[in-house]
C-alpha cells in the first residue's frame, strides 16, 4: 500500500500567464511510513496532496496508488478509488455537531455504501485513544479529541493512504505532538502510507520515524 508521484507537472492559469505549481515533482510514501511534507506558503504542499488524493489531475506525470496507475482512469473510477483507498484528515475536524463520535464514523460508512457496526466504530475510536469519548458530541470534546475523531473517521474504509493537511494548526504544543505520534503509530500498526502536510516543525520533533519531504518555491 503506497502512493507514488512521478514527474508531476501541474499548472494553473494566472491572468494572461500560467503558474507552474508543481514542476517535475517526484514523491513517494510507502506502507507503514509517515512522510511530513514541509515548505513555505506557495511551495505546492496542498497541490501535492490534491494530486496524490486524486482530487486534481496533473498536466502530466503519473500517480500510482496502491499499485494502480491512475493516469488514464475515467472520472468515475478515480472517484471510486479515492473513496475506497484514500483517507483524508483536514485542518479542521469538520464534525457534525449533532452526532456522537461513534455516529460520525457510522455516517462515513453509510455514505460509502458500507455498514459499520457499533463495535468496530468503538474499536477505531479506542485505537486513537477515545474509548471514554465514544458517545460524546463535538462540543463535549477538546480540539485534540476532535482531531482524533477525524483520524478515526478517515480509517473507516481501511484506506491504503492517509492524506493529512495541517492536523496540528489549531492545537497547542502538547496536543500537536500527540497527534503526530498517533499518525506515526497508525501508519505502522495499520500498514498505511501517511502523508502529512505541516509547517509545525516543533510538532515534528515528536516523530521517531518520520521522513521529511521539503518543498521550496524553486521546485513548485
C-alpha atoms as a PDB file:
ATOM      1  CA  UNK A   1       0.000   0.000   0.000  1.00  0.00           C
ATOM      2  CA  UNK A   2       1.696   3.158  -1.184  1.00  0.00           C
ATOM      3  CA  UNK A   3       1.406   6.283  -3.262  1.00  0.00           C
ATOM      4  CA  UNK A   4       3.940   7.342  -5.865  1.00  0.00           C
ATOM      5  CA  UNK A   5       4.020  10.546  -7.929  1.00  0.00           C
ATOM      6  CA  UNK A   6       6.409  10.632 -10.894  1.00  0.00           C
ATOM      7  CA  UNK A   7       7.383  13.680 -12.988  1.00  0.00           C
ATOM      8  CA  UNK A   8       4.272  15.589 -11.941  1.00  0.00           C
ATOM      9  CA  UNK A   9       3.627  18.905 -13.664  1.00  0.00           C
ATOM     10  CA  UNK A  10       0.666  20.983 -12.505  1.00  0.00           C
ATOM     11  CA  UNK A  11      -0.199  24.440 -13.797  1.00  0.00           C
ATOM     12  CA  UNK A  12      -2.969  26.947 -13.203  1.00  0.00           C
ATOM     13  CA  UNK A  13      -3.985  29.966 -15.285  1.00  0.00           C
ATOM     14  CA  UNK A  14      -2.831  33.225 -13.711  1.00  0.00           C
ATOM     15  CA  UNK A  15      -4.304  36.090 -15.684  1.00  0.00           C
ATOM     16  CA  UNK A  16      -2.510  36.142 -19.024  1.00  0.00           C
ATOM     17  CA  UNK A  17       0.211  33.854 -17.693  1.00  0.00           C
ATOM     18  CA  UNK A  18       0.438  30.295 -16.440  1.00  0.00           C
ATOM     19  CA  UNK A  19       1.504  29.460 -12.902  1.00  0.00           C
ATOM     20  CA  UNK A  20       3.555  26.279 -12.657  1.00  0.00           C
ATOM     21  CA  UNK A  21       2.726  24.945  -9.193  1.00  0.00           C
ATOM     22  CA  UNK A  22       4.479  21.576  -9.425  1.00  0.00           C
ATOM     23  CA  UNK A  23       7.364  21.209 -11.845  1.00  0.00           C
ATOM     24  CA  UNK A  24       8.564  17.658 -12.405  1.00  0.00           C
ATOM     25  CA  UNK A  25       7.722  16.562  -8.869  1.00  0.00           C
ATOM     26  CA  UNK A  26       8.771  13.083  -7.730  1.00  0.00           C
ATOM     27  CA  UNK A  27       7.386  11.832  -4.431  1.00  0.00           C
ATOM     28  CA  UNK A  28       6.556   8.550  -2.737  1.00  0.00           C
ATOM     29  CA  UNK A  29       5.239   7.246   0.565  1.00  0.00           C
ATOM     30  CA  UNK A  30       5.341   3.550   1.363  1.00  0.00           C
ATOM     31  CA  UNK A  31       3.142   1.362   3.541  1.00  0.00           C
ATOM     32  CA  UNK A  32       3.875   1.862   7.239  1.00  0.00           C
ATOM     33  CA  UNK A  33       5.686   5.129   6.596  1.00  0.00           C
ATOM     34  CA  UNK A  34       4.836   8.681   7.668  1.00  0.00           C
ATOM     35  CA  UNK A  35       6.120  11.429   5.390  1.00  0.00           C
ATOM     36  CA  UNK A  36       5.965  15.043   6.539  1.00  0.00           C
ATOM     37  CA  UNK A  37       5.695  17.459   3.596  1.00  0.00           C
ATOM     38  CA  UNK A  38       7.117  20.821   4.586  1.00  0.00           C
ATOM     39  CA  UNK A  39       7.817  24.118   2.857  1.00  0.00           C
ATOM     40  CA  UNK A  40       6.801  27.772   2.802  1.00  0.00           C
ATOM     41  CA  UNK A  41       3.428  29.056   1.730  1.00  0.00           C
ATOM     42  CA  UNK A  42       3.067  28.751  -2.040  1.00  0.00           C
ATOM     43  CA  UNK A  43       5.559  25.918  -2.402  1.00  0.00           C
ATOM     44  CA  UNK A  44       2.950  23.422  -3.581  1.00  0.00           C
ATOM     45  CA  UNK A  45       2.168  21.413  -0.428  1.00  0.00           C
ATOM     46  CA  UNK A  46      -1.612  21.489  -0.850  1.00  0.00           C
ATOM     47  CA  UNK A  47      -1.265  20.825  -4.568  1.00  0.00           C
ATOM     48  CA  UNK A  48       0.801  17.723  -3.817  1.00  0.00           C
ATOM     49  CA  UNK A  49      -1.987  16.442  -1.551  1.00  0.00           C
ATOM     50  CA  UNK A  50      -4.641  17.214  -4.153  1.00  0.00           C
ATOM     51  CA  UNK A  51      -2.777  15.272  -6.839  1.00  0.00           C
ATOM     52  CA  UNK A  52      -1.970  12.356  -4.512  1.00  0.00           C
ATOM     53  CA  UNK A  53      -5.612  12.268  -3.390  1.00  0.00           C
ATOM     54  CA  UNK A  54      -6.914  12.111  -6.985  1.00  0.00           C
ATOM     55  CA  UNK A  55      -8.726  15.398  -6.447  1.00  0.00           C
ATOM     56  CA  UNK A  56      -6.677  17.160  -9.132  1.00  0.00           C
ATOM     57  CA  UNK A  57      -5.475  15.701 -12.433  1.00  0.00           C
ATOM     58  CA  UNK A  58      -1.953  16.933 -13.229  1.00  0.00           C
ATOM     59  CA  UNK A  59      -0.959  18.278 -16.638  1.00  0.00           C
ATOM     60  CA  UNK A  60       1.496  15.408 -16.958  1.00  0.00           C
ATOM     61  CA  UNK A  61       3.150  12.695 -14.912  1.00  0.00           C
ATOM     62  CA  UNK A  62       1.935   9.517 -13.256  1.00  0.00           C
ATOM     63  CA  UNK A  63       0.130   8.828  -9.987  1.00  0.00           C
ATOM     64  CA  UNK A  64       0.254   5.227  -8.783  1.00  0.00           C
ATOM     65  CA  UNK A  65      -1.972   4.484  -5.815  1.00  0.00           C
ATOM     66  CA  UNK A  66      -1.873   1.144  -4.041  1.00  0.00           C
ATOM     67  CA  UNK A  67      -0.364  -0.402  -7.164  1.00  0.00           C
ATOM     68  CA  UNK A  68      -2.938   1.117  -9.532  1.00  0.00           C
ATOM     69  CA  UNK A  69      -1.735   3.515 -12.217  1.00  0.00           C
ATOM     70  CA  UNK A  70      -4.413   6.212 -12.236  1.00  0.00           C
ATOM     71  CA  UNK A  71      -3.096   8.101 -15.261  1.00  0.00           C
ATOM     72  CA  UNK A  72      -5.756   7.050 -17.751  1.00  0.00           C
ATOM     73  CA  UNK A  73      -8.656   6.296 -15.420  1.00  0.00           C
ATOM     74  CA  UNK A  74     -12.017   7.927 -16.071  1.00  0.00           C
ATOM     75  CA  UNK A  75     -13.570  10.259 -13.508  1.00  0.00           C
ATOM     76  CA  UNK A  76     -15.949   7.672 -12.062  1.00  0.00           C
ATOM     77  CA  UNK A  77     -13.159   5.160 -11.466  1.00  0.00           C
ATOM     78  CA  UNK A  78     -10.964   7.811  -9.897  1.00  0.00           C
ATOM     79  CA  UNK A  79     -13.811   8.780  -7.576  1.00  0.00           C
ATOM     80  CA  UNK A  80     -14.374   5.180  -6.550  1.00  0.00           C
ATOM     81  CA  UNK A  81     -10.661   4.606  -5.955  1.00  0.00           C
ATOM     82  CA  UNK A  82     -10.441   7.801  -3.904  1.00  0.00           C
ATOM     83  CA  UNK A  83     -13.445   6.770  -1.813  1.00  0.00           C
ATOM     84  CA  UNK A  84     -12.223   3.248  -1.165  1.00  0.00           C
ATOM     85  CA  UNK A  85      -8.455   3.631  -0.849  1.00  0.00           C
ATOM     86  CA  UNK A  86      -7.745   7.144   0.442  1.00  0.00           C
ATOM     87  CA  UNK A  87      -8.483   8.663   3.831  1.00  0.00           C
ATOM     88  CA  UNK A  88      -8.450  12.439   4.341  1.00  0.00           C
ATOM     89  CA  UNK A  89      -7.855  14.448   7.509  1.00  0.00           C
ATOM     90  CA  UNK A  90      -8.192  18.215   7.150  1.00  0.00           C
ATOM     91  CA  UNK A  91      -7.078  21.197   9.244  1.00  0.00           C
ATOM     92  CA  UNK A  92     -10.477  21.397  10.879  1.00  0.00           C
ATOM     93  CA  UNK A  93     -12.137  18.194  12.059  1.00  0.00           C
ATOM     94  CA  UNK A  94     -15.435  19.203  10.371  1.00  0.00           C
ATOM     95  CA  UNK A  95     -17.551  17.053  12.652  1.00  0.00           C
ATOM     96  CA  UNK A  96     -21.332  17.285  12.552  1.00  0.00           C
ATOM     97  CA  UNK A  97     -22.407  18.919  15.826  1.00  0.00           C
ATOM     98  CA  UNK A  98     -25.456  16.717  16.399  1.00  0.00           C
ATOM     99  CA  UNK A  99     -23.630  13.384  16.100  1.00  0.00           C
ATOM    100  CA  UNK A 100     -21.616  11.496  18.686  1.00  0.00           C
ATOM    101  CA  UNK A 101     -18.089  10.357  17.887  1.00  0.00           C
ATOM    102  CA  UNK A 102     -19.388   6.867  17.107  1.00  0.00           C
ATOM    103  CA  UNK A 103     -22.103   8.248  14.836  1.00  0.00           C
ATOM    104  CA  UNK A 104     -19.568  10.375  12.918  1.00  0.00           C
ATOM    105  CA  UNK A 105     -17.849   7.139  11.846  1.00  0.00           C
ATOM    106  CA  UNK A 106     -21.106   5.354  11.041  1.00  0.00           C
ATOM    107  CA  UNK A 107     -22.165   8.202   8.765  1.00  0.00           C
ATOM    108  CA  UNK A 108     -18.986   7.966   6.679  1.00  0.00           C
ATOM    109  CA  UNK A 109     -19.502   4.231   6.246  1.00  0.00           C
ATOM    110  CA  UNK A 110     -23.134   4.803   5.214  1.00  0.00           C
ATOM    111  CA  UNK A 111     -22.154   7.446   2.617  1.00  0.00           C
ATOM    112  CA  UNK A 112     -19.639   4.971   1.175  1.00  0.00           C
ATOM    113  CA  UNK A 113     -22.306   2.326   0.801  1.00  0.00           C
ATOM    114  CA  UNK A 114     -20.930   0.268   3.668  1.00  0.00           C
ATOM    115  CA  UNK A 115     -22.124  -0.694   7.093  1.00  0.00           C
ATOM    116  CA  UNK A 116     -20.100  -0.316  10.235  1.00  0.00           C
ATOM    117  CA  UNK A 117     -21.284  -1.887  13.455  1.00  0.00           C
ATOM    118  CA  UNK A 118     -21.007  -0.077  16.743  1.00  0.00           C
ATOM    119  CA  UNK A 119     -18.285  -2.424  17.964  1.00  0.00           C
ATOM    120  CA  UNK A 120     -15.956  -1.633  15.051  1.00  0.00           C
ATOM    121  CA  UNK A 121     -16.591   2.097  15.369  1.00  0.00           C
ATOM    122  CA  UNK A 122     -15.665   1.892  19.034  1.00  0.00           C
ATOM    123  CA  UNK A 123     -12.566  -0.139  18.163  1.00  0.00           C
ATOM    124  CA  UNK A 124     -11.412   2.607  15.801  1.00  0.00           C
ATOM    125  CA  UNK A 125     -12.068   5.245  18.443  1.00  0.00           C
ATOM    126  CA  UNK A 126     -10.194   3.160  21.007  1.00  0.00           C
ATOM    127  CA  UNK A 127      -7.255   2.989  18.589  1.00  0.00           C
ATOM    128  CA  UNK A 128      -6.977   6.784  18.703  1.00  0.00           C
ATOM    129  CA  UNK A 129      -7.403   6.929  22.476  1.00  0.00           C
ATOM    130  CA  UNK A 130     -11.090   7.880  22.674  1.00  0.00           C
ATOM    131  CA  UNK A 131     -12.717   4.930  24.422  1.00  0.00           C
ATOM    132  CA  UNK A 132     -14.294   7.183  27.045  1.00  0.00           C
ATOM    133  CA  UNK A 133     -15.446   9.778  24.499  1.00  0.00           C
ATOM    134  CA  UNK A 134     -17.264   7.476  22.061  1.00  0.00           C
ATOM    135  CA  UNK A 135     -20.716   8.837  22.969  1.00  0.00           C
ATOM    136  CA  UNK A 136     -19.758  12.498  23.219  1.00  0.00           C
ATOM    137  CA  UNK A 137     -20.671  15.175  20.709  1.00  0.00           C
ATOM    138  CA  UNK A 138     -18.124  17.661  19.289  1.00  0.00           C
ATOM    139  CA  UNK A 139     -18.911  20.423  21.790  1.00  0.00           C
ATOM    140  CA  UNK A 140     -18.005  17.986  24.580  1.00  0.00           C
ATOM    141  CA  UNK A 141     -14.559  17.279  23.096  1.00  0.00           C
ATOM    142  CA  UNK A 142     -11.310  19.232  23.150  1.00  0.00           C
ATOM    143  CA  UNK A 143      -9.650  20.342  19.914  1.00  0.00           C
ATOM    144  CA  UNK A 144      -7.206  17.457  20.085  1.00  0.00           C
ATOM    145  CA  UNK A 145     -10.004  14.969  20.714  1.00  0.00           C
ATOM    146  CA  UNK A 146     -11.998  16.281  17.755  1.00  0.00           C
ATOM    147  CA  UNK A 147      -8.939  15.807  15.548  1.00  0.00           C
ATOM    148  CA  UNK A 148      -8.612  12.238  16.858  1.00  0.00           C
ATOM    149  CA  UNK A 149     -12.222  11.560  15.869  1.00  0.00           C
ATOM    150  CA  UNK A 150     -11.376  12.872  12.387  1.00  0.00           C
ATOM    151  CA  UNK A 151      -8.439  10.455  12.175  1.00  0.00           C
ATOM    152  CA  UNK A 152     -10.614   7.526  13.292  1.00  0.00           C
ATOM    153  CA  UNK A 153     -13.240   8.571  10.752  1.00  0.00           C
ATOM    154  CA  UNK A 154     -10.633   8.562   7.975  1.00  0.00           C
ATOM    155  CA  UNK A 155      -9.845   4.910   8.749  1.00  0.00           C
ATOM    156  CA  UNK A 156     -13.406   3.616   8.380  1.00  0.00           C
ATOM    157  CA  UNK A 157     -12.876   2.361   4.818  1.00  0.00           C
ATOM    158  CA  UNK A 158      -9.443   0.820   5.577  1.00  0.00           C
ATOM    159  CA  UNK A 159      -7.532   3.171   3.274  1.00  0.00           C
ATOM    160  CA  UNK A 160      -4.180   2.375   1.714  1.00  0.00           C
ATOM    161  CA  UNK A 161      -3.106   6.006   2.004  1.00  0.00           C
ATOM    162  CA  UNK A 162      -3.934   8.635   4.604  1.00  0.00           C
ATOM    163  CA  UNK A 163      -3.553  12.270   3.486  1.00  0.00           C
ATOM    164  CA  UNK A 164      -3.390  14.777   6.322  1.00  0.00           C
ATOM    165  CA  UNK A 165      -3.464  18.564   5.873  1.00  0.00           C
ATOM    166  CA  UNK A 166      -2.032  20.652   8.734  1.00  0.00           C
ATOM    167  CA  UNK A 167      -3.533  18.496  11.513  1.00  0.00           C
ATOM    168  CA  UNK A 168      -1.895  20.469  14.336  1.00  0.00           C
ATOM    169  CA  UNK A 169      -2.594  24.018  13.154  1.00  0.00           C
ATOM    170  CA  UNK A 170      -5.276  24.683  15.805  1.00  0.00           C
ATOM    171  CA  UNK A 171      -3.675  22.736  18.661  1.00  0.00           C
ATOM    172  CA  UNK A 172      -1.259  23.598  21.421  1.00  0.00           C
ATOM    173  CA  UNK A 173       2.238  22.110  21.514  1.00  0.00           C
ATOM    174  CA  UNK A 174       1.378  19.093  23.686  1.00  0.00           C
ATOM    175  CA  UNK A 175      -1.697  18.133  21.652  1.00  0.00           C
ATOM    176  CA  UNK A 176       0.258  18.654  18.427  1.00  0.00           C
ATOM    177  CA  UNK A 177       2.927  16.195  19.493  1.00  0.00           C
ATOM    178  CA  UNK A 178       0.249  13.677  20.460  1.00  0.00           C
ATOM    179  CA  UNK A 179      -1.342  13.893  17.000  1.00  0.00           C
ATOM    180  CA  UNK A 180       1.995  13.407  15.219  1.00  0.00           C
ATOM    181  CA  UNK A 181       2.771  10.401  17.414  1.00  0.00           C
ATOM    182  CA  UNK A 182      -0.699   9.000  16.718  1.00  0.00           C
ATOM    183  CA  UNK A 183      -0.272   9.351  12.954  1.00  0.00           C
ATOM    184  CA  UNK A 184       3.071   7.582  13.102  1.00  0.00           C
ATOM    185  CA  UNK A 185       1.581   4.765  15.142  1.00  0.00           C
ATOM    186  CA  UNK A 186      -1.368   4.492  12.757  1.00  0.00           C
ATOM    187  CA  UNK A 187       0.992   4.125   9.799  1.00  0.00           C
ATOM    188  CA  UNK A 188       2.967   1.363  11.492  1.00  0.00           C
ATOM    189  CA  UNK A 189       0.120  -0.604  13.031  1.00  0.00           C
ATOM    190  CA  UNK A 190      -2.265  -0.424  10.068  1.00  0.00           C
ATOM    191  CA  UNK A 191       0.389  -0.575   7.319  1.00  0.00           C
ATOM    192  CA  UNK A 192      -0.903   2.685   5.860  1.00  0.00           C
ATOM    193  CA  UNK A 193       1.147   5.265   3.976  1.00  0.00           C
ATOM    194  CA  UNK A 194       0.619   8.569   5.814  1.00  0.00           C
ATOM    195  CA  UNK A 195       1.361  11.862   4.038  1.00  0.00           C
ATOM    196  CA  UNK A 196       1.157  14.869   6.352  1.00  0.00           C
ATOM    197  CA  UNK A 197       1.457  18.466   5.193  1.00  0.00           C
ATOM    198  CA  UNK A 198       2.665  20.682   8.013  1.00  0.00           C
ATOM    199  CA  UNK A 199       4.535  23.859   8.854  1.00  0.00           C
ATOM    200  CA  UNK A 200       4.740  22.909  12.546  1.00  0.00           C
ATOM    201  CA  UNK A 201       8.388  21.970  12.924  1.00  0.00           C
ATOM    202  CA  UNK A 202       8.086  21.764  16.702  1.00  0.00           C
ATOM    203  CA  UNK A 203       5.473  19.026  16.413  1.00  0.00           C
ATOM    204  CA  UNK A 204       7.672  17.088  14.003  1.00  0.00           C
ATOM    205  CA  UNK A 205      10.210  16.587  16.750  1.00  0.00           C
ATOM    206  CA  UNK A 206       7.754  14.161  18.337  1.00  0.00           C
ATOM    207  CA  UNK A 207       8.180  11.810  15.411  1.00  0.00           C
ATOM    208  CA  UNK A 208      10.641   8.982  15.800  1.00  0.00           C
ATOM    209  CA  UNK A 209      10.396   7.544  12.283  1.00  0.00           C
ATOM    210  CA  UNK A 210       9.204  10.499  10.243  1.00  0.00           C
ATOM    211  CA  UNK A 211      10.691  11.160   6.845  1.00  0.00           C
ATOM    212  CA  UNK A 212      10.622  14.789   5.782  1.00  0.00           C
ATOM    213  CA  UNK A 213       9.983  15.839   2.183  1.00  0.00           C
ATOM    214  CA  UNK A 214      10.772  19.527   1.789  1.00  0.00           C
ATOM    215  CA  UNK A 215       9.276  21.662  -0.949  1.00  0.00           C
ATOM    216  CA  UNK A 216      10.536  25.123  -1.760  1.00  0.00           C
ATOM    217  CA  UNK A 217       9.392  27.813  -4.139  1.00  0.00           C
ATOM    218  CA  UNK A 218      12.028  26.923  -6.719  1.00  0.00           C
ATOM    219  CA  UNK A 219      10.624  23.393  -7.064  1.00  0.00           C
ATOM    220  CA  UNK A 220       6.957  24.343  -7.180  1.00  0.00           C
END
